[in-house]
């Protein structure tokens, strides 16, 4: 799907899935101050964008991982997107909980995951990468061969890139922070001066806005 990064960025802005507030930063659970808030759950409420994302996932998985046997979604944000992608690909689907259930079978992976299955992981948002890679670790411990991960959006932090490299996980995304800022600037959502502030945040998110 040509130029999916900018098309998806435009769609996220259109439906309000992304909010940009360089003058009134959000505070994340980690304590980081951020000029952006991204809620990809809103995609599910927009049929046009939902279909675009599902098709883009299917195309990306087919191109990068033709040998994939199972699609796995990271709970909870990527469950629906993973199901839609798996349906288009005609592949089985499982999802990975943040931790094992504390009742019943105590499962962390829901669905049928054959031993040694070649799995591609679907994620909605990559920030620091910790929760995404925890899902990969659970799949590997269950005997799966994780081929790689495809996500809707990434902030592009160096910290996350280092973690994925260390874990030996190939990460691909449909859109990214740079494309989002380019699209927001082009569309007049943010001023050129604000765009520079937004770009500076990604370089040092842990300390941004603390001076």
Protein backbone atom coordinates (compact mmCIF):
# COMPACT_ATOMS: atom_id res chain seq x y z
CA UNK A 1 0.00 0.00 0.00
CA UNK A 2 1.81 3.09 -1.31
CA UNK A 3 2.67 5.84 1.18
CA UNK A 4 0.69 4.10 3.93
CA UNK A 5 2.69 5.98 6.58
CA UNK A 6 1.37 9.39 5.55
CA UNK A 7 -2.12 8.11 4.66
CA UNK A 8 -2.47 6.47 8.05
CA UNK A 9 -1.08 9.54 9.83
CA UNK A 10 -3.70 11.66 8.06
CA UNK A 11 -6.40 9.22 9.13
CA UNK A 12 -5.27 9.24 12.77
CA UNK A 13 -5.41 13.02 12.80
CA UNK A 14 -8.81 13.05 11.07
CA UNK A 15 -10.50 10.83 13.67
CA UNK A 16 -8.79 12.41 16.67
CA UNK A 17 -6.78 9.29 17.52
CA UNK A 18 -3.75 11.54 17.84
CA UNK A 19 -3.71 14.75 19.86
CA UNK A 20 -0.78 17.15 19.59
CA UNK A 21 -0.33 19.66 22.43
CA UNK A 22 3.22 21.06 22.54
CA UNK A 23 2.04 23.90 24.80
CA UNK A 24 -0.03 21.70 27.15
CA UNK A 25 1.82 18.38 27.42
CA UNK A 26 0.21 15.17 28.57
CA UNK A 27 1.72 13.14 31.42
CA UNK A 28 2.20 9.43 30.78
CA UNK A 29 1.93 6.74 33.43
CA UNK A 30 5.73 6.56 33.39
CA UNK A 31 5.87 10.21 34.46
CA UNK A 32 7.18 11.36 31.07
CA UNK A 33 5.78 14.63 29.77
CA UNK A 34 4.60 14.28 26.20
CA UNK A 35 3.25 16.66 23.56
CA UNK A 36 1.39 13.77 21.91
CA UNK A 37 -1.33 11.35 22.93
CA UNK A 38 -2.13 8.43 20.65
CA UNK A 39 -5.24 6.26 21.06
CA UNK A 40 -5.39 3.71 18.24
CA UNK A 41 -8.56 2.17 19.69
CA UNK A 42 -10.44 4.94 17.89
CA UNK A 43 -9.50 3.31 14.59
CA UNK A 44 -11.99 0.52 15.28
CA UNK A 45 -14.87 3.02 15.25
CA UNK A 46 -14.04 4.30 11.76
CA UNK A 47 -14.85 1.70 9.05
CA UNK A 48 -12.68 3.33 6.39
CA UNK A 49 -9.55 3.62 8.53
CA UNK A 50 -10.16 0.24 10.18
CA UNK A 51 -10.24 -1.42 6.77
CA UNK A 52 -7.12 0.48 5.64
CA UNK A 53 -5.16 -0.73 8.66
CA UNK A 54 -6.32 -4.34 8.27
CA UNK A 55 -5.36 -4.37 4.58
CA UNK A 56 -2.01 -2.74 5.29
CA UNK A 57 -1.25 -5.32 7.98
CA UNK A 58 -2.15 -8.16 5.62
CA UNK A 59 0.03 -6.73 2.85
CA UNK A 60 2.96 -6.15 5.20
CA UNK A 61 2.79 -9.64 6.70
CA UNK A 62 2.49 -11.26 3.26
CA UNK A 63 5.51 -9.32 1.99
CA UNK A 64 7.77 -9.76 5.01
CA UNK A 65 6.66 -13.09 6.49
CA UNK A 66 5.15 -15.33 3.79
CA UNK A 67 6.03 -18.35 5.94
CA UNK A 68 3.88 -17.12 8.87
CA UNK A 69 1.48 -19.75 10.20
CA UNK A 70 -0.19 -17.90 13.08
CA UNK A 71 -1.02 -14.26 13.81
CA UNK A 72 -0.73 -13.16 17.45
CA UNK A 73 -2.18 -9.95 18.87
CA UNK A 74 -0.90 -8.19 21.97
CA UNK A 75 -3.69 -7.60 24.50
CA UNK A 76 -5.65 -5.56 24.62
CA UNK A 77 -5.08 -2.88 22.03
CA UNK A 78 -4.01 -5.17 19.20
CA UNK A 79 -6.54 -7.97 19.63
CA UNK A 80 -9.15 -6.59 17.23
CA UNK A 81 -6.56 -5.42 14.68
CA UNK A 82 -4.86 -8.81 14.84
CA UNK A 83 -8.13 -10.63 14.27
CA UNK A 84 -8.93 -8.47 11.23
CA UNK A 85 -5.45 -9.05 9.79
CA UNK A 86 -5.59 -12.80 10.45
CA UNK A 87 -9.00 -12.99 8.78
CA UNK A 88 -7.68 -11.35 5.61
CA UNK A 89 -4.65 -13.62 5.65
CA UNK A 90 -6.69 -16.75 6.33
CA UNK A 91 -4.48 -17.55 9.34
CA UNK A 92 -5.24 -18.78 12.87
CA UNK A 93 -5.21 -16.12 15.59
CA UNK A 94 -4.12 -16.08 19.22
CA UNK A 95 -3.63 -13.25 21.66
CA UNK A 96 -1.16 -12.69 24.47
CA UNK A 97 -2.16 -11.36 27.87
CA UNK A 98 0.20 -9.10 29.86
CA UNK A 99 0.44 -11.90 32.42
CA UNK A 100 -1.11 -15.34 32.99
CA UNK A 101 -4.69 -15.50 34.25
CA UNK A 102 -5.02 -15.92 37.99
CA UNK A 103 -7.92 -18.35 37.54
CA UNK A 104 -8.99 -21.28 35.38
CA UNK A 105 -6.16 -22.68 33.27
CA UNK A 106 -3.82 -19.81 34.11
CA UNK A 107 -3.22 -19.20 30.41
CA UNK A 108 -1.28 -16.22 29.14
CA UNK A 109 -1.78 -17.09 25.47
CA UNK A 110 -5.40 -17.51 24.43
CA UNK A 111 -6.21 -19.69 21.44
CA UNK A 112 -4.60 -22.69 19.83
CA UNK A 113 -0.84 -22.24 19.39
CA UNK A 114 0.84 -25.37 18.00
CA UNK A 115 4.35 -26.21 19.22
CA UNK A 116 6.94 -24.67 16.91
CA UNK A 117 4.42 -22.49 15.04
CA UNK A 118 5.86 -19.62 13.01
CA UNK A 119 4.21 -16.50 14.45
CA UNK A 120 4.00 -12.87 13.42
CA UNK A 121 2.97 -10.49 16.19
CA UNK A 122 0.54 -7.60 15.66
CA UNK A 123 0.81 -4.57 17.96
CA UNK A 124 -1.01 -1.24 17.99
CA UNK A 125 1.56 1.14 19.47
CA UNK A 126 5.29 0.99 20.20
CA UNK A 127 6.61 3.31 22.90
CA UNK A 128 9.41 1.88 25.05
CA UNK A 129 8.85 -1.62 23.68
CA UNK A 130 8.70 -3.36 27.04
CA UNK A 131 5.12 -4.70 26.92
CA UNK A 132 5.46 -5.67 23.27
CA UNK A 133 8.62 -7.65 23.89
CA UNK A 134 7.07 -9.27 26.98
CA UNK A 135 4.47 -10.75 24.61
CA UNK A 136 7.23 -12.02 22.34
CA UNK A 137 8.93 -13.63 25.33
CA UNK A 138 5.69 -15.39 26.32
CA UNK A 139 5.26 -16.75 22.79
CA UNK A 140 8.83 -18.01 22.70
CA UNK A 141 8.45 -19.70 26.08
CA UNK A 142 5.35 -21.42 24.71
CA UNK A 143 7.47 -22.91 21.93
CA UNK A 144 6.59 -20.53 19.09
CA UNK A 145 9.06 -19.20 16.54
CA UNK A 146 8.48 -15.44 16.45
CA UNK A 147 9.28 -14.17 12.96
CA UNK A 148 8.78 -10.51 13.76
CA UNK A 149 6.35 -7.81 14.83
CA UNK A 150 4.24 -5.37 12.82
CA UNK A 151 2.70 -2.38 14.59
CA UNK A 152 0.36 0.43 13.63
CA UNK A 153 2.50 3.24 14.99
CA UNK A 154 5.83 3.89 16.69
CA UNK A 155 7.22 6.94 18.44
CA UNK A 156 10.63 5.87 17.18
CA UNK A 157 12.51 6.04 20.48
CA UNK A 158 16.12 4.87 20.38
CA UNK A 159 15.42 3.03 23.64
CA UNK A 160 12.80 0.87 21.93
CA UNK A 161 15.01 0.22 18.90
CA UNK A 162 17.81 -0.96 21.18
CA UNK A 163 15.46 -3.29 23.07
CA UNK A 164 14.11 -4.87 19.90
CA UNK A 165 17.63 -5.35 18.57
CA UNK A 166 18.78 -6.93 21.84
CA UNK A 167 15.77 -9.28 21.80
CA UNK A 168 16.43 -10.25 18.19
CA UNK A 169 12.99 -9.11 17.04
CA UNK A 170 12.44 -7.44 13.68
CA UNK A 171 9.99 -4.53 14.01
CA UNK A 172 8.05 -3.01 11.12
CA UNK A 173 5.38 -0.33 11.43
CA UNK A 174 2.64 1.10 9.25
CA UNK A 175 3.29 4.68 10.35
CA UNK A 176 5.63 6.57 12.65
CA UNK A 177 6.15 9.77 14.57
CA UNK A 178 8.16 11.51 11.87
CA UNK A 179 5.50 10.88 9.21
CA UNK A 180 2.82 12.07 11.63
CA UNK A 181 4.57 15.39 12.28
CA UNK A 182 5.18 15.86 8.55
CA UNK A 183 1.50 15.24 7.83
CA UNK A 184 0.31 17.47 10.68
CA UNK A 185 2.54 20.29 9.46
CA UNK A 186 1.49 19.88 5.84
CA UNK A 187 -2.19 19.85 6.80
CA UNK A 188 -1.84 22.93 8.99
CA UNK A 189 -2.67 21.05 12.19
CA UNK A 190 0.52 22.39 13.78
CA UNK A 191 2.70 25.38 12.96
CA UNK A 192 6.22 24.91 11.63
CA UNK A 193 7.63 26.30 14.90
CA UNK A 194 5.60 23.77 16.91
CA UNK A 195 6.77 20.98 14.60
CA UNK A 196 10.36 21.59 15.70
CA UNK A 197 9.30 21.35 19.34
CA UNK A 198 7.45 18.12 18.61
CA UNK A 199 10.45 16.62 16.84
CA UNK A 200 12.79 17.53 19.73
CA UNK A 201 10.62 15.56 22.18
CA UNK A 202 11.35 12.23 20.49
CA UNK A 203 15.10 12.70 20.96
CA UNK A 204 14.95 12.87 24.77
CA UNK A 205 11.42 11.99 25.94
CA UNK A 206 12.36 11.17 29.53
CA UNK A 207 13.63 14.69 30.20
CA UNK A 208 11.61 16.75 27.76
CA UNK A 209 9.77 19.70 29.32
CA UNK A 210 11.59 19.38 32.66
CA UNK A 211 13.91 22.33 32.20
